[in-house]
Protein backbone atom coordinates (compact mmCIF):
# COMPACT_ATOMS: atom_id res chain seq x y z
CA MET A 1 112.59 177.57 92.79
CA ALA A 2 113.30 174.02 93.91
CA ASN A 3 116.76 172.51 93.75
CA VAL A 4 116.95 169.06 92.20
CA LEU A 5 119.65 166.64 93.32
CA ARG A 6 121.04 163.80 91.27
CA ILE A 7 121.83 160.47 92.95
CA SER A 8 125.48 161.39 93.58
CA SER A 9 124.41 164.48 95.52
CA VAL A 10 121.75 162.52 97.41
CA ARG A 11 124.39 159.97 98.38
CA GLU A 12 126.80 162.69 99.47
CA ARG A 13 124.14 164.55 101.48
CA THR A 14 122.78 161.46 103.26
CA GLY A 15 125.84 159.23 103.49
CA LEU A 16 123.79 156.38 102.00
CA GLY A 17 124.80 154.09 99.19
CA ARG A 18 122.83 153.96 95.95
CA SER A 19 121.27 150.57 96.71
CA THR A 20 120.24 151.73 100.20
CA VAL A 21 118.53 154.82 98.75
CA TYR A 22 116.50 152.63 96.40
CA LEU A 23 115.76 150.10 99.15
CA LEU A 24 114.36 152.85 101.38
CA ILE A 25 112.30 154.17 98.46
CA SER A 26 110.85 150.69 97.93
CA GLU A 27 110.04 150.51 101.67
CA GLY A 28 108.27 153.87 101.37
CA THR A 29 110.57 155.65 103.83
CA PHE A 30 112.64 157.83 101.49
CA PRO A 31 111.41 160.43 99.02
CA PRO A 32 110.96 159.02 95.54
CA PRO A 33 112.83 160.63 92.66
CA LEU A 34 111.17 162.90 90.16
CA LYS A 35 111.38 161.80 86.55
CA LEU A 36 113.20 164.66 84.80
CA THR A 37 113.49 163.15 81.34
CA LEU A 38 113.13 159.71 79.85
CA ARG A 39 116.54 158.71 81.19
CA SER A 40 117.16 160.93 84.21
CA SER A 41 115.72 161.40 87.66
CA GLY A 42 116.39 163.67 90.59
CA TRP A 43 115.26 164.42 94.13
CA LEU A 44 113.92 167.66 95.50
CA SER A 45 116.56 168.93 97.92
CA SER A 46 113.81 170.06 100.29
CA TRP A 47 112.52 166.47 100.52
CA VAL A 48 116.00 165.11 101.24
CA ASP A 49 116.44 167.81 103.89
CA LEU A 50 113.06 166.89 105.39
CA TRP A 51 114.08 163.22 105.50
CA LEU A 52 117.23 164.16 107.45
CA GLU A 53 115.24 166.45 109.76
CA ILE A 54 112.79 163.65 110.58
CA LEU A 55 115.63 161.23 111.34
CA MET A 56 117.23 163.77 113.68
CA ALA A 57 113.92 164.40 115.48
CA LYS A 58 113.44 160.64 115.89
CA ARG A 59 116.99 160.26 117.19
CA ASP A 60 116.51 163.09 119.67
CA GLY A 61 113.14 161.77 120.84
CA THR A 62 111.41 164.96 119.71
CA ILE A 63 109.43 163.59 116.77
CA ASP A 64 106.03 164.13 118.44
CA SER A 65 106.71 167.80 119.09
CA TRP A 66 108.35 168.15 115.66
CA VAL A 67 105.18 166.87 113.96
CA THR A 68 103.01 169.17 116.12
CA ASP A 69 105.24 172.20 115.53
CA ASN A 70 105.48 171.72 111.78
CA LYS A 71 101.79 170.97 111.17
CA LEU A 72 102.50 170.04 107.59
CA GLU A 73 100.68 167.89 105.14
CA LEU A 74 103.41 165.32 104.90
CA GLU A 75 104.10 163.11 101.93
CA PRO A 76 103.36 159.40 102.41
CA TRP A 77 107.07 158.52 102.58
CA ALA A 78 107.54 161.04 105.42
CA LEU A 79 104.62 159.60 107.38
CA ASN A 80 106.00 156.08 106.88
CA LEU A 81 109.39 157.22 108.15
CA ILE A 82 107.89 158.94 111.20
CA ASN A 83 105.91 155.82 112.10
CA ARG A 84 108.72 153.31 111.44
CA LYS A 85 110.26 151.84 114.56
CA GLY A 86 113.98 151.46 115.15
CA ASP A 87 115.40 154.74 113.83
CA GLY A 88 117.35 155.75 116.89
CA GLU A 89 114.34 155.47 119.18
């Protein structure tokens, strides 16, 4: 069963502010929220964890081997993040 995080938990887990989370979503480099009800949204914790994992691999210069090792069908936001320049490279 997937864990769903609300924005406060996403902010706590990533260290990002609310506006930065939404900016990254609009740039296509952060997982979009899931619409839970008419007035609430949340993020899959596994997607937020994946986002952090990709940033760490980029920082460490191991993103190429990370992509090869994981051989996943990545979501568009994850591919955008992997291909974006300037994240600790």
